[in-house]
Amino acid sequence: MGAEVHLGVTEEGADDERLEELALLLRQELLELDVDSVEPLRGGEAPEGTRSGLIALAGALTLSLQPTVQVVGGVIALVRDWLRRSGSQRSVRLEVDGDVLEVTGVTSEVQQRLIDDWINRHAETG
């Protein structure tokens, strides 16, 4: 059974165009992992006269994946590495079934414990 993870990229002072650009950069890296798909998150109705019935939310992605410790942990590791390489004030918000994890490029014992607990809640054991 697959799982759906919603990711949202934020950057201090960024507009929607910049958030979309960042999400696409992160998407390219996430597609290299063992995930089923990584697509822009859609929500709300598109403005009248546009082709799509839904609009993409700036900086937001949906991942479909198998909820194993290796896969979920790999996503988190990639996100943390991506944030560390950014050199700016970015964070990524991950959500599964209303359970939210906010990841920053800063490493701390507390953040690592929160990440480990979140991974364990959303990964199938076995």
C-alpha atoms as a PDB file:
ATOM      1  CA  MET A   1       0.000   0.000   0.000  1.00  0.00           C
ATOM      2  CA  GLY A   2       1.411   3.377  -1.023  1.00  0.00           C
ATOM      3  CA  ALA A   3       1.496   6.609   0.916  1.00  0.00           C
ATOM      4  CA  GLU A   4       1.152  10.228  -0.127  1.00  0.00           C
ATOM      5  CA  VAL A   5       3.455  12.871   1.317  1.00  0.00           C
ATOM      6  CA  HIS A   6       2.817  16.569   0.770  1.00  0.00           C
ATOM      7  CA  LEU A   7       5.892  18.820   0.754  1.00  0.00           C
ATOM      8  CA  GLY A   8       5.947  22.586   0.914  1.00  0.00           C
ATOM      9  CA  VAL A   9       9.091  24.634   0.332  1.00  0.00           C
ATOM     10  CA  THR A  10       9.451  28.014   2.015  1.00  0.00           C
ATOM     11  CA  GLU A  11      12.192  30.615   1.767  1.00  0.00           C
ATOM     12  CA  GLU A  12      12.365  33.879   3.626  1.00  0.00           C
ATOM     13  CA  GLY A  13      11.259  36.711   1.312  1.00  0.00           C
ATOM     14  CA  ALA A  14      10.416  34.429  -1.648  1.00  0.00           C
ATOM     15  CA  ASP A  15       7.482  35.116  -3.953  1.00  0.00           C
ATOM     16  CA  ASP A  16       5.330  32.434  -5.614  1.00  0.00           C
ATOM     17  CA  GLU A  17       7.550  32.292  -8.703  1.00  0.00           C
ATOM     18  CA  ARG A  18      10.659  31.674  -6.595  1.00  0.00           C
ATOM     19  CA  LEU A  19       8.871  29.005  -4.509  1.00  0.00           C
ATOM     20  CA  GLU A  20       7.786  27.257  -7.697  1.00  0.00           C
ATOM     21  CA  GLU A  21      11.376  27.299  -8.955  1.00  0.00           C
ATOM     22  CA  LEU A  22      12.660  25.847  -5.672  1.00  0.00           C
ATOM     23  CA  ALA A  23       9.996  23.127  -5.671  1.00  0.00           C
ATOM     24  CA  LEU A  24      10.965  22.119  -9.222  1.00  0.00           C
ATOM     25  CA  LEU A  25      14.649  21.913  -8.230  1.00  0.00           C
ATOM     26  CA  LEU A  26      13.769  19.734  -5.247  1.00  0.00           C
ATOM     27  CA  ARG A  27      11.444  17.640  -7.427  1.00  0.00           C
ATOM     28  CA  GLN A  28      14.306  16.815  -9.810  1.00  0.00           C
ATOM     29  CA  GLU A  29      16.341  15.401  -6.935  1.00  0.00           C
ATOM     30  CA  LEU A  30      13.407  13.541  -5.368  1.00  0.00           C
ATOM     31  CA  LEU A  31      12.724  11.778  -8.684  1.00  0.00           C
ATOM     32  CA  GLU A  32      16.125  10.092  -8.336  1.00  0.00           C
ATOM     33  CA  LEU A  33      14.867   8.253  -5.236  1.00  0.00           C
ATOM     34  CA  ASP A  34      12.779   5.082  -5.136  1.00  0.00           C
ATOM     35  CA  VAL A  35       9.459   6.956  -5.188  1.00  0.00           C
ATOM     36  CA  ASP A  36       6.422   6.277  -7.365  1.00  0.00           C
ATOM     37  CA  SER A  37       5.897   9.910  -8.404  1.00  0.00           C
ATOM     38  CA  VAL A  38       6.611  13.537  -7.496  1.00  0.00           C
ATOM     39  CA  GLU A  39       4.098  16.041  -8.833  1.00  0.00           C
ATOM     40  CA  PRO A  40       3.115  19.640  -8.132  1.00  0.00           C
ATOM     41  CA  LEU A  41       0.439  19.752  -5.432  1.00  0.00           C
ATOM     42  CA  ARG A  42      -2.878  20.850  -6.840  1.00  0.00           C
ATOM     43  CA  GLY A  43      -5.593  22.623  -4.927  1.00  0.00           C
ATOM     44  CA  GLY A  44      -8.400  25.036  -5.447  1.00  0.00           C
ATOM     45  CA  GLU A  45     -10.059  26.018  -8.682  1.00  0.00           C
ATOM     46  CA  ALA A  46      -8.045  27.491 -11.531  1.00  0.00           C
ATOM     47  CA  PRO A  47      -8.923  30.996 -12.698  1.00  0.00           C
ATOM     48  CA  GLU A  48     -11.663  31.160 -15.318  1.00  0.00           C
ATOM     49  CA  GLY A  49     -10.359  30.832 -18.868  1.00  0.00           C
ATOM     50  CA  THR A  50      -7.417  28.567 -17.980  1.00  0.00           C
ATOM     51  CA  ARG A  51      -7.151  24.985 -19.187  1.00  0.00           C
ATOM     52  CA  SER A  52      -6.755  23.124 -15.911  1.00  0.00           C
ATOM     53  CA  GLY A  53      -9.528  22.625 -13.410  1.00  0.00           C
ATOM     54  CA  LEU A  54      -7.074  22.878 -10.510  1.00  0.00           C
ATOM     55  CA  ILE A  55      -4.179  25.215  -9.806  1.00  0.00           C
ATOM     56  CA  ALA A  56      -0.718  24.181  -8.623  1.00  0.00           C
ATOM     57  CA  LEU A  57       0.177  25.553  -5.211  1.00  0.00           C
ATOM     58  CA  ALA A  58       3.467  27.483  -5.296  1.00  0.00           C
ATOM     59  CA  GLY A  59       6.295  25.558  -3.705  1.00  0.00           C
ATOM     60  CA  ALA A  60       4.182  22.469  -3.015  1.00  0.00           C
ATOM     61  CA  LEU A  61       4.705  18.881  -4.173  1.00  0.00           C
ATOM     62  CA  THR A  62       2.984  15.526  -3.674  1.00  0.00           C
ATOM     63  CA  LEU A  63       5.099  12.382  -3.411  1.00  0.00           C
ATOM     64  CA  SER A  64       3.656   8.926  -3.856  1.00  0.00           C
ATOM     65  CA  LEU A  65       5.862   6.277  -2.307  1.00  0.00           C
ATOM     66  CA  GLN A  66       6.049   2.982  -0.493  1.00  0.00           C
ATOM     67  CA  PRO A  67       6.092   3.815   3.229  1.00  0.00           C
ATOM     68  CA  THR A  68       9.205   1.896   4.252  1.00  0.00           C
ATOM     69  CA  VAL A  69      11.822   3.217   6.654  1.00  0.00           C
ATOM     70  CA  GLN A  70      14.352   3.205   3.803  1.00  0.00           C
ATOM     71  CA  VAL A  71      12.173   5.187   1.391  1.00  0.00           C
ATOM     72  CA  VAL A  72      10.750   7.689   3.907  1.00  0.00           C
ATOM     73  CA  GLY A  73      14.168   8.059   5.532  1.00  0.00           C
ATOM     74  CA  GLY A  74      15.739   8.592   2.102  1.00  0.00           C
ATOM     75  CA  VAL A  75      13.281  11.399   1.333  1.00  0.00           C
ATOM     76  CA  ILE A  76      14.080  13.117   4.643  1.00  0.00           C
ATOM     77  CA  ALA A  77      17.853  12.691   4.134  1.00  0.00           C
ATOM     78  CA  LEU A  78      17.616  14.181   0.632  1.00  0.00           C
ATOM     79  CA  VAL A  79      15.516  17.112   1.874  1.00  0.00           C
ATOM     80  CA  ARG A  80      17.970  17.841   4.705  1.00  0.00           C
ATOM     81  CA  ASP A  81      20.947  17.697   2.327  1.00  0.00           C
ATOM     82  CA  TRP A  82      19.152  19.946  -0.172  1.00  0.00           C
ATOM     83  CA  LEU A  83      18.444  22.465   2.597  1.00  0.00           C
ATOM     84  CA  ARG A  84      22.037  22.393   3.875  1.00  0.00           C
ATOM     85  CA  ARG A  85      23.342  23.088   0.360  1.00  0.00           C
ATOM     86  CA  SER A  86      20.990  26.046  -0.104  1.00  0.00           C
ATOM     87  CA  GLY A  87      22.858  28.457   2.142  1.00  0.00           C
ATOM     88  CA  SER A  88      19.689  30.464   2.767  1.00  0.00           C
ATOM     89  CA  GLN A  89      16.694  30.604   5.051  1.00  0.00           C
ATOM     90  CA  ARG A  90      14.691  27.716   3.599  1.00  0.00           C
ATOM     91  CA  SER A  91      12.604  25.021   5.192  1.00  0.00           C
ATOM     92  CA  VAL A  92      10.511  22.131   3.933  1.00  0.00           C
ATOM     93  CA  ARG A  93       7.229  21.097   5.502  1.00  0.00           C
ATOM     94  CA  LEU A  94       6.267  17.436   5.092  1.00  0.00           C
ATOM     95  CA  GLU A  95       2.776  16.147   5.869  1.00  0.00           C
ATOM     96  CA  VAL A  96       1.222  12.708   5.918  1.00  0.00           C
ATOM     97  CA  ASP A  97      -2.425  12.394   7.015  1.00  0.00           C
ATOM     98  CA  GLY A  98      -2.276  15.655   8.972  1.00  0.00           C
ATOM     99  CA  ASP A  99       0.989  14.765  10.754  1.00  0.00           C
ATOM    100  CA  VAL A 100       3.434  17.586   9.982  1.00  0.00           C
ATOM    101  CA  LEU A 101       7.230  17.702  10.132  1.00  0.00           C
ATOM    102  CA  GLU A 102       9.096  20.971   9.514  1.00  0.00           C
ATOM    103  CA  VAL A 103      12.690  20.361   8.383  1.00  0.00           C
ATOM    104  CA  THR A 104      15.405  23.005   8.270  1.00  0.00           C
ATOM    105  CA  GLY A 105      19.029  22.789   7.198  1.00  0.00           C
ATOM    106  CA  VAL A 106      20.118  23.081  10.821  1.00  0.00           C
ATOM    107  CA  THR A 107      21.035  19.806  12.474  1.00  0.00           C
ATOM    108  CA  SER A 108      20.299  19.308  16.138  1.00  0.00           C
ATOM    109  CA  GLU A 109      19.668  16.337  18.388  1.00  0.00           C
ATOM    110  CA  VAL A 110      16.103  17.485  19.011  1.00  0.00           C
ATOM    111  CA  GLN A 111      15.337  17.842  15.308  1.00  0.00           C
ATOM    112  CA  GLN A 112      16.873  14.419  14.619  1.00  0.00           C
ATOM    113  CA  ARG A 113      14.668  12.794  17.288  1.00  0.00           C
ATOM    114  CA  LEU A 114      11.581  14.491  15.826  1.00  0.00           C
ATOM    115  CA  ILE A 115      12.547  13.300  12.352  1.00  0.00           C
ATOM    116  CA  ASP A 116      13.179   9.726  13.530  1.00  0.00           C
ATOM    117  CA  ASP A 117       9.815   9.624  15.340  1.00  0.00           C
ATOM    118  CA  TRP A 118       7.996  11.009  12.273  1.00  0.00           C
ATOM    119  CA  ILE A 119       9.648   8.469   9.960  1.00  0.00           C
ATOM    120  CA  ASN A 120       8.710   5.612  12.297  1.00  0.00           C
ATOM    121  CA  ARG A 121       5.063   6.761  12.435  1.00  0.00           C
ATOM    122  CA  HIS A 122       4.779   6.730   8.638  1.00  0.00           C
ATOM    123  CA  ALA A 123       6.888   3.744   7.686  1.00  0.00           C
ATOM    124  CA  GLU A 124       5.592   0.208   7.619  1.00  0.00           C
ATOM    125  CA  THR A 125       7.580  -2.166   9.760  1.00  0.00           C
ATOM    126  CA  GLY A 126       8.586  -5.546   8.598  1.00  0.00           C
END
